Amino acid sequence: MNILCDVHISFKVLNFLRDQGLNVKHVNELPDKWNTKDSVISRFCDENDFVILTKDKDFKDSFLLKRKPKKVLKVNLGNISNEQLIQILSDNIVGLQNIGTKPSFLCEISKSGILFQE
């Protein structure tokens, strides 16, 4: 699975995902770095089969209205520590890897679990 971490996802989380064998990039690796517009991020993800890992509600809204980007992993956990987010991702890594093969989805991670919709 290919994952693009949005600007508010730390490199600590990125490195954890890489350690799990995933192909992970950070938005800061794109040409405009943290100034990259959401539409450019969406296009990059769709053209390169990446899942956007984000805390940004705009990507969820765009998925629901336009199905762009095609694959959204939305974190709904507020200001938790990187360690807590990594633990939640670790606890659910197999399920997340399995959904990554779907052509289109919105997956929301919250304290009560993971909500998945195609």
PDB file of N, CA and C in Angstrom:
ATOM      1  N   MET A   1       0.847  -1.182   0.000  1.00  0.00           N
ATOM      2  CA  MET A   1       0.000   0.000   0.000  1.00  0.00           C
ATOM      3  C   MET A   1       0.886   1.237   0.000  1.00  0.00           C
ATOM      4  N   ASN A   2       0.481   2.229  -0.780  1.00  0.00           N
ATOM      5  CA  ASN A   2       1.163   3.511  -0.852  1.00  0.00           C
ATOM      6  C   ASN A   2       0.390   4.527  -0.018  1.00  0.00           C
ATOM      7  N   ILE A   3       1.090   5.245   0.836  1.00  0.00           N
ATOM      8  CA  ILE A   3       0.444   6.232   1.703  1.00  0.00           C
ATOM      9  C   ILE A   3       1.168   7.562   1.568  1.00  0.00           C
ATOM     10  N   LEU A   4       0.377   8.626   1.421  1.00  0.00           N
ATOM     11  CA  LEU A   4       0.906   9.984   1.470  1.00  0.00           C
ATOM     12  C   LEU A   4       0.421  10.604   2.769  1.00  0.00           C
ATOM     13  N   CYS A   5       1.357  10.964   3.625  1.00  0.00           N
ATOM     14  CA  CYS A   5       1.026  11.599   4.905  1.00  0.00           C
ATOM     15  C   CYS A   5       0.852  13.096   4.694  1.00  0.00           C
ATOM     16  N   ASP A   6      -0.282  13.605   5.127  1.00  0.00           N
ATOM     17  CA  ASP A   6      -0.565  15.027   5.028  1.00  0.00           C
ATOM     18  C   ASP A   6       0.328  15.796   6.004  1.00  0.00           C
ATOM     19  N   VAL A   7       0.293  17.100   5.893  1.00  0.00           N
ATOM     20  CA  VAL A   7       1.222  17.974   6.607  1.00  0.00           C
ATOM     21  C   VAL A   7       1.205  17.788   8.129  1.00  0.00           C
ATOM     22  N   HIS A   8       0.054  17.461   8.722  1.00  0.00           N
ATOM     23  CA  HIS A   8      -0.023  17.340  10.185  1.00  0.00           C
ATOM     24  C   HIS A   8       0.259  15.931  10.706  1.00  0.00           C
ATOM     25  N   ILE A   9       0.697  15.061   9.823  1.00  0.00           N
ATOM     26  CA  ILE A   9       1.116  13.713  10.243  1.00  0.00           C
ATOM     27  C   ILE A   9       2.634  13.744  10.395  1.00  0.00           C
ATOM     28  N   SER A  10       3.102  13.353  11.549  1.00  0.00           N
ATOM     29  CA  SER A  10       4.531  13.486  11.862  1.00  0.00           C
ATOM     30  C   SER A  10       5.386  12.458  11.133  1.00  0.00           C
ATOM     31  N   PHE A  11       6.667  12.784  11.043  1.00  0.00           N
ATOM     32  CA  PHE A  11       7.622  11.851  10.443  1.00  0.00           C
ATOM     33  C   PHE A  11       7.815  10.615  11.319  1.00  0.00           C
ATOM     34  N   LYS A  12       7.514  10.730  12.600  1.00  0.00           N
ATOM     35  CA  LYS A  12       7.573   9.563  13.482  1.00  0.00           C
ATOM     36  C   LYS A  12       6.531   8.524  13.042  1.00  0.00           C
ATOM     37  N   VAL A  13       5.335   8.990  12.713  1.00  0.00           N
ATOM     38  CA  VAL A  13       4.277   8.103  12.208  1.00  0.00           C
ATOM     39  C   VAL A  13       4.681   7.554  10.839  1.00  0.00           C
ATOM     40  N   LEU A  14       5.195   8.420   9.976  1.00  0.00           N
ATOM     41  CA  LEU A  14       5.666   8.010   8.654  1.00  0.00           C
ATOM     42  C   LEU A  14       6.704   6.893   8.780  1.00  0.00           C
ATOM     43  N   ASN A  15       7.676   7.071   9.653  1.00  0.00           N
ATOM     44  CA  ASN A  15       8.724   6.057   9.822  1.00  0.00           C
ATOM     45  C   ASN A  15       8.167   4.747  10.355  1.00  0.00           C
ATOM     46  N   PHE A  16       7.177   4.814  11.246  1.00  0.00           N
ATOM     47  CA  PHE A  16       6.535   3.594  11.727  1.00  0.00           C
ATOM     48  C   PHE A  16       5.908   2.835  10.555  1.00  0.00           C
ATOM     49  N   LEU A  17       5.177   3.568   9.707  1.00  0.00           N
ATOM     50  CA  LEU A  17       4.519   2.925   8.569  1.00  0.00           C
ATOM     51  C   LEU A  17       5.542   2.333   7.607  1.00  0.00           C
ATOM     52  N   ARG A  18       6.634   3.031   7.391  1.00  0.00           N
ATOM     53  CA  ARG A  18       7.702   2.480   6.540  1.00  0.00           C
ATOM     54  C   ARG A  18       8.265   1.206   7.144  1.00  0.00           C
ATOM     55  N   ASP A  19       8.416   1.184   8.462  1.00  0.00           N
ATOM     56  CA  ASP A  19       8.919  -0.015   9.139  1.00  0.00           C
ATOM     57  C   ASP A  19       7.979  -1.200   8.972  1.00  0.00           C
ATOM     58  N   GLN A  20       6.714  -0.921   8.659  1.00  0.00           N
ATOM     59  CA  GLN A  20       5.730  -1.984   8.434  1.00  0.00           C
ATOM     60  C   GLN A  20       5.762  -2.481   6.988  1.00  0.00           C
ATOM     61  N   GLY A  21       6.682  -1.930   6.200  1.00  0.00           N
ATOM     62  CA  GLY A  21       6.845  -2.364   4.818  1.00  0.00           C
ATOM     63  C   GLY A  21       5.991  -1.605   3.816  1.00  0.00           C
ATOM     64  N   LEU A  22       5.410  -0.495   4.252  1.00  0.00           N
ATOM     65  CA  LEU A  22       4.570   0.292   3.353  1.00  0.00           C
ATOM     66  C   LEU A  22       5.403   1.342   2.626  1.00  0.00           C
ATOM     67  N   ASN A  23       4.969   1.701   1.431  1.00  0.00           N
ATOM     68  CA  ASN A  23       5.603   2.775   0.673  1.00  0.00           C
ATOM     69  C   ASN A  23       4.952   4.078   1.127  1.00  0.00           C
ATOM     70  N   VAL A  24       5.697   4.907   1.852  1.00  0.00           N
ATOM     71  CA  VAL A  24       5.127   6.100   2.476  1.00  0.00           C
ATOM     72  C   VAL A  24       5.920   7.329   2.078  1.00  0.00           C
ATOM     73  N   LYS A  25       5.187   8.374   1.724  1.00  0.00           N
ATOM     74  CA  LYS A  25       5.767   9.689   1.432  1.00  0.00           C
ATOM     75  C   LYS A  25       5.080  10.704   2.335  1.00  0.00           C
ATOM     76  N   HIS A  26       5.729  11.824   2.525  1.00  0.00           N
ATOM     77  CA  HIS A  26       5.135  12.940   3.265  1.00  0.00           C
ATOM     78  C   HIS A  26       4.885  14.063   2.282  1.00  0.00           C
ATOM     79  N   VAL A  27       3.841  14.835   2.511  1.00  0.00           N
ATOM     80  CA  VAL A  27       3.520  15.952   1.622  1.00  0.00           C
ATOM     81  C   VAL A  27       4.723  16.892   1.471  1.00  0.00           C
ATOM     82  N   ASN A  28       5.581  16.946   2.485  1.00  0.00           N
ATOM     83  CA  ASN A  28       6.778  17.788   2.400  1.00  0.00           C
ATOM     84  C   ASN A  28       7.797  17.263   1.385  1.00  0.00           C
ATOM     85  N   GLU A  29       7.566  16.071   0.835  1.00  0.00           N
ATOM     86  CA  GLU A  29       8.415  15.537  -0.217  1.00  0.00           C
ATOM     87  C   GLU A  29       7.911  15.934  -1.614  1.00  0.00           C
ATOM     88  N   LEU A  30       6.736  16.550  -1.674  1.00  0.00           N
ATOM     89  CA  LEU A  30       6.206  17.048  -2.936  1.00  0.00           C
ATOM     90  C   LEU A  30       6.845  18.405  -3.244  1.00  0.00           C
ATOM     91  N   PRO A  31       6.821  18.834  -4.494  1.00  0.00           N
ATOM     92  CA  PRO A  31       7.523  20.081  -4.866  1.00  0.00           C
ATOM     93  C   PRO A  31       7.149  21.317  -4.043  1.00  0.00           C
ATOM     94  N   ASP A  32       5.855  21.503  -3.733  1.00  0.00           N
ATOM     95  CA  ASP A  32       5.444  22.684  -2.967  1.00  0.00           C
ATOM     96  C   ASP A  32       5.378  22.440  -1.466  1.00  0.00           C
ATOM     97  N   LYS A  33       5.835  21.284  -1.034  1.00  0.00           N
ATOM     98  CA  LYS A  33       5.894  20.911   0.389  1.00  0.00           C
ATOM     99  C   LYS A  33       4.589  21.234   1.103  1.00  0.00           C
ATOM    100  N   TRP A  34       4.663  21.890   2.264  1.00  0.00           N
ATOM    101  CA  TRP A  34       3.489  22.158   3.096  1.00  0.00           C
ATOM    102  C   TRP A  34       2.528  23.153   2.446  1.00  0.00           C
ATOM    103  N   ASN A  35       2.961  23.787   1.362  1.00  0.00           N
ATOM    104  CA  ASN A  35       2.092  24.717   0.643  1.00  0.00           C
ATOM    105  C   ASN A  35       1.310  24.042  -0.481  1.00  0.00           C
ATOM    106  N   THR A  36       1.445  22.735  -0.620  1.00  0.00           N
ATOM    107  CA  THR A  36       0.750  22.013  -1.682  1.00  0.00           C
ATOM    108  C   THR A  36      -0.756  22.095  -1.458  1.00  0.00           C
ATOM    109  N   LYS A  37      -1.466  22.485  -2.488  1.00  0.00           N
ATOM    110  CA  LYS A  37      -2.919  22.608  -2.394  1.00  0.00           C
ATOM    111  C   LYS A  37      -3.559  21.229  -2.316  1.00  0.00           C
ATOM    112  N   ASP A  38      -4.710  21.168  -1.639  1.00  0.00           N
ATOM    113  CA  ASP A  38      -5.433  19.906  -1.495  1.00  0.00           C
ATOM    114  C   ASP A  38      -5.747  19.275  -2.846  1.00  0.00           C
ATOM    115  N   SER A  39      -6.089  20.085  -3.826  1.00  0.00           N
ATOM    116  CA  SER A  39      -6.414  19.540  -5.157  1.00  0.00           C
ATOM    117  C   SER A  39      -5.201  18.866  -5.793  1.00  0.00           C
ATOM    118  N   VAL A  40      -4.023  19.408  -5.561  1.00  0.00           N
ATOM    119  CA  VAL A  40      -2.790  18.811  -6.087  1.00  0.00           C
ATOM    120  C   VAL A  40      -2.484  17.512  -5.340  1.00  0.00           C
ATOM    121  N   ILE A  41      -2.689  17.521  -4.038  1.00  0.00           N
ATOM    122  CA  ILE A  41      -2.495  16.304  -3.229  1.00  0.00           C
ATOM    123  C   ILE A  41      -3.444  15.211  -3.711  1.00  0.00           C
ATOM    124  N   SER A  42      -4.708  15.571  -3.912  1.00  0.00           N
ATOM    125  CA  SER A  42      -5.694  14.594  -4.386  1.00  0.00           C
ATOM    126  C   SER A  42      -5.296  14.014  -5.734  1.00  0.00           C
ATOM    127  N   ARG A  43      -4.888  14.869  -6.636  1.00  0.00           N
ATOM    128  CA  ARG A  43      -4.483  14.409  -7.971  1.00  0.00           C
ATOM    129  C   ARG A  43      -3.264  13.487  -7.880  1.00  0.00           C
ATOM    130  N   PHE A  44      -2.271  13.871  -7.071  1.00  0.00           N
ATOM    131  CA  PHE A  44      -1.088  13.032  -6.882  1.00  0.00           C
ATOM    132  C   PHE A  44      -1.496  11.652  -6.373  1.00  0.00           C
ATOM    133  N   CYS A  45      -2.356  11.628  -5.357  1.00  0.00           N
ATOM    134  CA  CYS A  45      -2.778  10.344  -4.777  1.00  0.00           C
ATOM    135  C   CYS A  45      -3.501   9.486  -5.805  1.00  0.00           C
ATOM    136  N   ASP A  46      -4.427  10.091  -6.539  1.00  0.00           N
ATOM    137  CA  ASP A  46      -5.200   9.315  -7.510  1.00  0.00           C
ATOM    138  C   ASP A  46      -4.343   8.834  -8.677  1.00  0.00           C
ATOM    139  N   GLU A  47      -3.441   9.665  -9.145  1.00  0.00           N
ATOM    140  CA  GLU A  47      -2.606   9.285 -10.288  1.00  0.00           C
ATOM    141  C   GLU A  47      -1.540   8.254  -9.930  1.00  0.00           C
ATOM    142  N   ASN A  48      -1.168   8.198  -8.651  1.00  0.00           N
ATOM    143  CA  ASN A  48      -0.090   7.299  -8.224  1.00  0.00           C
ATOM    144  C   ASN A  48      -0.554   6.198  -7.280  1.00  0.00           C
ATOM    145  N   ASP A  49      -1.870   6.039  -7.144  1.00  0.00           N
ATOM    146  CA  ASP A  49      -2.480   5.020  -6.279  1.00  0.00           C
ATOM    147  C   ASP A  49      -1.986   5.123  -4.830  1.00  0.00           C
ATOM    148  N   PHE A  50      -2.048   6.331  -4.282  1.00  0.00           N
ATOM    149  CA  PHE A  50      -1.709   6.561  -2.888  1.00  0.00           C
ATOM    150  C   PHE A  50      -2.975   6.785  -2.071  1.00  0.00           C
ATOM    151  N   VAL A  51      -2.923   6.384  -0.815  1.00  0.00           N
ATOM    152  CA  VAL A  51      -3.938   6.699   0.182  1.00  0.00           C
ATOM    153  C   VAL A  51      -3.462   7.962   0.886  1.00  0.00           C
ATOM    154  N   ILE A  52      -4.355   8.952   1.083  1.00  0.00           N
ATOM    155  CA  ILE A  52      -3.979  10.128   1.863  1.00  0.00           C
ATOM    156  C   ILE A  52      -4.286   9.833   3.336  1.00  0.00           C
ATOM    157  N   LEU A  53      -3.291   9.939   4.182  1.00  0.00           N
ATOM    158  CA  LEU A  53      -3.449   9.810   5.628  1.00  0.00           C
ATOM    159  C   LEU A  53      -3.485  11.233   6.169  1.00  0.00           C
ATOM    160  N   THR A  54      -4.616  11.627   6.728  1.00  0.00           N
ATOM    161  CA  THR A  54      -4.818  13.024   7.060  1.00  0.00           C
ATOM    162  C   THR A  54      -5.661  13.218   8.313  1.00  0.00           C
ATOM    163  N   LYS A  55      -5.524  14.388   8.908  1.00  0.00           N
ATOM    164  CA  LYS A  55      -6.410  14.834   9.977  1.00  0.00           C
ATOM    165  C   LYS A  55      -7.368  15.900   9.445  1.00  0.00           C
ATOM    166  N   ASP A  56      -7.223  16.250   8.185  1.00  0.00           N
ATOM    167  CA  ASP A  56      -7.937  17.340   7.538  1.00  0.00           C
ATOM    168  C   ASP A  56      -9.326  16.898   7.069  1.00  0.00           C
ATOM    169  N   LYS A  57     -10.365  17.519   7.614  1.00  0.00           N
ATOM    170  CA  LYS A  57     -11.745  17.194   7.257  1.00  0.00           C
ATOM    171  C   LYS A  57     -12.047  17.491   5.790  1.00  0.00           C
ATOM    172  N   ASP A  58     -11.296  18.400   5.182  1.00  0.00           N
ATOM    173  CA  ASP A  58     -11.540  18.752   3.781  1.00  0.00           C
ATOM    174  C   ASP A  58     -11.412  17.550   2.853  1.00  0.00           C
ATOM    175  N   PHE A  59     -10.481  16.645   3.146  1.00  0.00           N
ATOM    176  CA  PHE A  59     -10.321  15.465   2.293  1.00  0.00           C
ATOM    177  C   PHE A  59     -11.520  14.529   2.431  1.00  0.00           C
ATOM    178  N   LYS A  60     -12.056  14.408   3.640  1.00  0.00           N
ATOM    179  CA  LYS A  60     -13.274  13.601   3.832  1.00  0.00           C
ATOM    180  C   LYS A  60     -14.427  14.216   3.052  1.00  0.00           C
ATOM    181  N   ASP A  61     -14.604  15.519   3.180  1.00  0.00           N
ATOM    182  CA  ASP A  61     -15.690  16.202   2.478  1.00  0.00           C
ATOM    183  C   ASP A  61     -15.551  16.042   0.964  1.00  0.00           C
ATOM    184  N   SER A  62     -14.340  16.191   0.464  1.00  0.00           N
ATOM    185  CA  SER A  62     -14.094  16.051  -0.970  1.00  0.00           C
ATOM    186  C   SER A  62     -14.403  14.631  -1.440  1.00  0.00           C
ATOM    187  N   PHE A  63     -14.041  13.650  -0.633  1.00  0.00           N
ATOM    188  CA  PHE A  63     -14.347  12.259  -0.984  1.00  0.00           C
ATOM    189  C   PHE A  63     -15.859  12.063  -1.057  1.00  0.00           C
ATOM    190  N   LEU A  64     -16.579  12.558  -0.059  1.00  0.00           N
ATOM    191  CA  LEU A  64     -18.027  12.356  -0.015  1.00  0.00           C
ATOM    192  C   LEU A  64     -18.747  13.097  -1.145  1.00  0.00           C
ATOM    193  N   LEU A  65     -18.236  14.253  -1.531  1.00  0.00           N
ATOM    194  CA  LEU A  65     -18.890  15.054  -2.575  1.00  0.00           C
ATOM    195  C   LEU A  65     -18.446  14.694  -3.981  1.00  0.00           C
ATOM    196  N   LYS A  66     -17.132  14.420  -4.147  1.00  0.00           N
ATOM    197  CA  LYS A  66     -16.582  14.244  -5.498  1.00  0.00           C
ATOM    198  C   LYS A  66     -15.853  12.929  -5.715  1.00  0.00           C
ATOM    199  N   ARG A  67     -15.700  12.156  -4.630  1.00  0.00           N
ATOM    200  CA  ARG A  67     -14.904  10.913  -4.683  1.00  0.00           C
ATOM    201  C   ARG A  67     -13.456  11.193  -5.054  1.00  0.00           C
ATOM    202  N   LYS A  68     -12.947  12.340  -4.614  1.00  0.00           N
ATOM    203  CA  LYS A  68     -11.553  12.717  -4.841  1.00  0.00           C
ATOM    204  C   LYS A  68     -10.977  13.228  -3.540  1.00  0.00           C
ATOM    205  N   PRO A  69      -9.877  12.728  -3.075  1.00  0.00           N
ATOM    206  CA  PRO A  69      -9.143  11.598  -3.638  1.00  0.00           C
ATOM    207  C   PRO A  69      -9.923  10.293  -3.455  1.00  0.00           C
ATOM    208  N   LYS A  70      -9.514   9.279  -4.172  1.00  0.00           N
ATOM    209  CA  LYS A  70     -10.229   8.009  -4.160  1.00  0.00           C
ATOM    210  C   LYS A  70     -10.040   7.224  -2.867  1.00  0.00           C
ATOM    211  N   LYS A  71      -8.908   7.456  -2.191  1.00  0.00           N
ATOM    212  CA  LYS A  71      -8.591   6.672  -0.995  1.00  0.00           C
ATOM    213  C   LYS A  71      -8.189   7.620   0.142  1.00  0.00           C
ATOM    214  N   VAL A  72      -9.022   7.632   1.190  1.00  0.00           N
ATOM    215  CA  VAL A  72      -8.806   8.553   2.306  1.00  0.00           C
ATOM    216  C   VAL A  72      -8.767   7.774   3.614  1.00  0.00           C
ATOM    217  N   LEU A  73      -7.717   7.994   4.370  1.00  0.00           N
ATOM    218  CA  LEU A  73      -7.582   7.453   5.721  1.00  0.00           C
ATOM    219  C   LEU A  73      -7.585   8.656   6.649  1.00  0.00           C
ATOM    220  N   LYS A  74      -8.734   8.922   7.281  1.00  0.00           N
ATOM    221  CA  LYS A  74      -8.953  10.135   8.074  1.00  0.00           C
ATOM    222  C   LYS A  74      -8.800   9.823   9.553  1.00  0.00           C
ATOM    223  N   VAL A  75      -7.941  10.575  10.225  1.00  0.00           N
ATOM    224  CA  VAL A  75      -7.702  10.413  11.655  1.00  0.00           C
ATOM    225  C   VAL A  75      -8.603  11.388  12.402  1.00  0.00           C
ATOM    226  N   ASN A  76      -9.487  10.853  13.249  1.00  0.00           N
ATOM    227  CA  ASN A  76     -10.420  11.653  14.046  1.00  0.00           C
ATOM    228  C   ASN A  76     -10.084  11.502  15.529  1.00  0.00           C
ATOM    229  N   LEU A  77      -8.891  11.855  15.902  1.00  0.00           N
ATOM    230  CA  LEU A  77      -8.462  11.600  17.277  1.00  0.00           C
ATOM    231  C   LEU A  77      -8.025  12.855  18.020  1.00  0.00           C
ATOM    232  N   GLY A  78      -8.214  14.015  17.439  1.00  0.00           N
ATOM    233  CA  GLY A  78      -7.806  15.245  18.106  1.00  0.00           C
ATOM    234  C   GLY A  78      -6.298  15.296  18.275  1.00  0.00           C
ATOM    235  N   ASN A  79      -5.876  15.943  19.296  1.00  0.00           N
ATOM    236  CA  ASN A  79      -4.445  16.121  19.548  1.00  0.00           C
ATOM    237  C   ASN A  79      -3.903  15.024  20.459  1.00  0.00           C
ATOM    238  N   ILE A  80      -3.806  13.826  19.917  1.00  0.00           N
ATOM    239  CA  ILE A  80      -3.205  12.742  20.685  1.00  0.00           C
ATOM    240  C   ILE A  80      -1.716  12.704  20.367  1.00  0.00           C
ATOM    241  N   SER A  81      -0.985  11.987  21.173  1.00  0.00           N
ATOM    242  CA  SER A  81       0.464  11.893  20.954  1.00  0.00           C
ATOM    243  C   SER A  81       0.751  11.002  19.748  1.00  0.00           C
ATOM    244  N   ASN A  82       1.937  11.178  19.189  1.00  0.00           N
ATOM    245  CA  ASN A  82       2.374  10.307  18.089  1.00  0.00           C
ATOM    246  C   ASN A  82       2.381   8.858  18.522  1.00  0.00           C
ATOM    247  N   GLU A  83       2.791   8.613  19.754  1.00  0.00           N
ATOM    248  CA  GLU A  83       2.853   7.236  20.256  1.00  0.00           C
ATOM    249  C   GLU A  83       1.466   6.603  20.296  1.00  0.00           C
ATOM    250  N   GLN A  84       0.460   7.387  20.699  1.00  0.00           N
ATOM    251  CA  GLN A  84      -0.907   6.861  20.733  1.00  0.00           C
ATOM    252  C   GLN A  84      -1.410   6.557  19.323  1.00  0.00           C
ATOM    253  N   LEU A  85      -1.146   7.453  18.381  1.00  0.00           N
ATOM    254  CA  LEU A  85      -1.562   7.225  17.003  1.00  0.00           C
ATOM    255  C   LEU A  85      -0.848   6.003  16.430  1.00  0.00           C
ATOM    256  N   ILE A  86       0.430   5.885  16.692  1.00  0.00           N
ATOM    257  CA  ILE A  86       1.188   4.727  16.215  1.00  0.00           C
ATOM    258  C   ILE A  86       0.619   3.436  16.801  1.00  0.00           C
ATOM    259  N   GLN A  87       0.241   3.443  18.063  1.00  0.00           N
ATOM    260  CA  GLN A  87      -0.336   2.251  18.685  1.00  0.00           C
ATOM    261  C   GLN A  87      -1.655   1.864  18.013  1.00  0.00           C
ATOM    262  N   ILE A  88      -2.494   2.853  17.738  1.00  0.00           N
ATOM    263  CA  ILE A  88      -3.768   2.581  17.070  1.00  0.00           C
ATOM    264  C   ILE A  88      -3.527   2.034  15.662  1.00  0.00           C
ATOM    265  N   LEU A  89      -2.591   2.629  14.940  1.00  0.00           N
ATOM    266  CA  LEU A  89      -2.254   2.129  13.601  1.00  0.00           C
ATOM    267  C   LEU A  89      -1.694   0.713  13.690  1.00  0.00           C
ATOM    268  N   SER A  90      -0.840   0.476  14.665  1.00  0.00           N
ATOM    269  CA  SER A  90      -0.247  -0.848  14.853  1.00  0.00           C
ATOM    270  C   SER A  90      -1.318  -1.900  15.136  1.00  0.00           C
ATOM    271  N   ASP A  91      -2.259  -1.549  15.996  1.00  0.00           N
ATOM    272  CA  ASP A  91      -3.337  -2.481  16.346  1.00  0.00           C
ATOM    273  C   ASP A  91      -4.219  -2.823  15.151  1.00  0.00           C
ATOM    274  N   ASN A  92      -4.237  -1.969  14.150  1.00  0.00           N
ATOM    275  CA  ASN A  92      -5.136  -2.137  13.011  1.00  0.00           C
ATOM    276  C   ASN A  92      -4.410  -2.280  11.676  1.00  0.00           C
ATOM    277  N   ILE A  93      -3.104  -2.518  11.703  1.00  0.00           N
ATOM    278  CA  ILE A  93      -2.299  -2.470  10.483  1.00  0.00           C
ATOM    279  C   ILE A  93      -2.737  -3.501   9.434  1.00  0.00           C
ATOM    280  N   VAL A  94      -3.108  -4.691   9.842  1.00  0.00           N
ATOM    281  CA  VAL A  94      -3.509  -5.720   8.869  1.00  0.00           C
ATOM    282  C   VAL A  94      -4.792  -5.294   8.157  1.00  0.00           C
ATOM    283  N   GLY A  95      -5.753  -4.809   8.904  1.00  0.00           N
ATOM    284  CA  GLY A  95      -7.001  -4.340   8.298  1.00  0.00           C
ATOM    285  C   GLY A  95      -6.768  -3.173   7.364  1.00  0.00           C
ATOM    286  N   LEU A  96      -5.887  -2.271   7.762  1.00  0.00           N
ATOM    287  CA  LEU A  96      -5.582  -1.111   6.921  1.00  0.00           C
ATOM    288  C   LEU A  96      -4.901  -1.545   5.627  1.00  0.00           C
ATOM    289  N   GLN A  97      -3.981  -2.492   5.725  1.00  0.00           N
ATOM    290  CA  GLN A  97      -3.308  -2.987   4.524  1.00  0.00           C
ATOM    291  C   GLN A  97      -4.303  -3.665   3.586  1.00  0.00           C
ATOM    292  N   ASN A  98      -5.272  -4.369   4.145  1.00  0.00           N
ATOM    293  CA  ASN A  98      -6.266  -5.057   3.317  1.00  0.00           C
ATOM    294  C   ASN A  98      -7.161  -4.081   2.566  1.00  0.00           C
ATOM    295  N   ILE A  99      -7.566  -2.993   3.224  1.00  0.00           N
ATOM    296  CA  ILE A  99      -8.438  -2.050   2.527  1.00  0.00           C
ATOM    297  C   ILE A  99      -7.679  -1.253   1.483  1.00  0.00           C
ATOM    298  N   GLY A 100      -6.365  -1.155   1.636  1.00  0.00           N
ATOM    299  CA  GLY A 100      -5.560  -0.412   0.683  1.00  0.00           C
ATOM    300  C   GLY A 100      -5.661  -0.935  -0.733  1.00  0.00           C
ATOM    301  N   THR A 101      -6.093  -2.170  -0.894  1.00  0.00           N
ATOM    302  CA  THR A 101      -6.224  -2.755  -2.225  1.00  0.00           C
ATOM    303  C   THR A 101      -7.549  -2.384  -2.899  1.00  0.00           C
ATOM    304  N   LYS A 102      -8.478  -1.823  -2.155  1.00  0.00           N
ATOM    305  CA  LYS A 102      -9.774  -1.423  -2.714  1.00  0.00           C
ATOM    306  C   LYS A 102      -9.575  -0.232  -3.645  1.00  0.00           C
ATOM    307  N   PRO A 103     -10.404  -0.096  -4.679  1.00  0.00           N
ATOM    308  CA  PRO A 103     -10.239   1.012  -5.629  1.00  0.00           C
ATOM    309  C   PRO A 103     -10.612   2.380  -5.062  1.00  0.00           C
ATOM    310  N   SER A 104     -11.498   2.412  -4.056  1.00  0.00           N
ATOM    311  CA  SER A 104     -11.935   3.681  -3.497  1.00  0.00           C
ATOM    312  C   SER A 104     -12.520   3.438  -2.110  1.00  0.00           C
ATOM    313  N   PHE A 105     -12.164   4.306  -1.154  1.00  0.00           N
ATOM    314  CA  PHE A 105     -12.714   4.152   0.198  1.00  0.00           C
ATOM    315  C   PHE A 105     -12.438   5.383   1.050  1.00  0.00           C
ATOM    316  N   LEU A 106     -13.242   5.499   2.099  1.00  0.00           N
ATOM    317  CA  LEU A 106     -13.014   6.436   3.186  1.00  0.00           C
ATOM    318  C   LEU A 106     -12.944   5.596   4.441  1.00  0.00           C
ATOM    319  N   CYS A 107     -11.853   5.703   5.148  1.00  0.00           N
ATOM    320  CA  CYS A 107     -11.665   4.966   6.388  1.00  0.00           C
ATOM    321  C   CYS A 107     -11.375   5.988   7.474  1.00  0.00           C
ATOM    322  N   GLU A 108     -12.199   5.988   8.527  1.00  0.00           N
ATOM    323  CA  GLU A 108     -12.012   6.933   9.616  1.00  0.00           C
ATOM    324  C   GLU A 108     -11.561   6.198  10.869  1.00  0.00           C
ATOM    325  N   ILE A 109     -10.498   6.721  11.468  1.00  0.00           N
ATOM    326  CA  ILE A 109      -9.947   6.139  12.684  1.00  0.00           C
ATOM    327  C   ILE A 109     -10.334   7.032  13.850  1.00  0.00           C
ATOM    328  N   SER A 110     -11.014   6.446  14.832  1.00  0.00           N
ATOM    329  CA  SER A 110     -11.381   7.188  16.036  1.00  0.00           C
ATOM    330  C   SER A 110     -11.117   6.306  17.248  1.00  0.00           C
ATOM    331  N   LYS A 111     -11.318   6.857  18.418  1.00  0.00           N
ATOM    332  CA  LYS A 111     -11.080   6.087  19.640  1.00  0.00           C
ATOM    333  C   LYS A 111     -12.022   4.896  19.738  1.00  0.00           C
ATOM    334  N   SER A 112     -13.192   4.987  19.108  1.00  0.00           N
ATOM    335  CA  SER A 112     -14.145   3.888  19.172  1.00  0.00           C
ATOM    336  C   SER A 112     -13.909   2.825  18.106  1.00  0.00           C
ATOM    337  N   GLY A 113     -12.917   3.052  17.243  1.00  0.00           N
ATOM    338  CA  GLY A 113     -12.581   2.046  16.240  1.00  0.00           C
ATOM    339  C   GLY A 113     -12.416   2.632  14.856  1.00  0.00           C
ATOM    340  N   ILE A 114     -12.514   1.766  13.872  1.00  0.00           N
ATOM    341  CA  ILE A 114     -12.322   2.165  12.484  1.00  0.00           C
ATOM    342  C   ILE A 114     -13.648   2.011  11.748  1.00  0.00           C
ATOM    343  N   LEU A 115     -14.055   3.086  11.079  1.00  0.00           N
ATOM    344  CA  LEU A 115     -15.265   3.084  10.266  1.00  0.00           C
ATOM    345  C   LEU A 115     -14.836   3.106   8.811  1.00  0.00           C
ATOM    346  N   PHE A 116     -15.328   2.141   8.040  1.00  0.00           N
ATOM    347  CA  PHE A 116     -14.920   2.001   6.645  1.00  0.00           C
ATOM    348  C   PHE A 116     -16.132   2.113   5.753  1.00  0.00           C
ATOM    349  N   GLN A 117     -16.007   2.903   4.690  1.00  0.00           N
ATOM    350  CA  GLN A 117     -17.064   2.942   3.681  1.00  0.00           C
ATOM    351  C   GLN A 117     -16.441   3.058   2.302  1.00  0.00           C
ATOM    352  N   GLU A 118     -17.083   2.393   1.354  1.00  0.00           N
ATOM    353  CA  GLU A 118     -16.612   2.435  -0.028  1.00  0.00           C
ATOM    354  C   GLU A 118     -17.388   3.480  -0.788  1.00  0.00           C
TER     355      GLU A 118
END
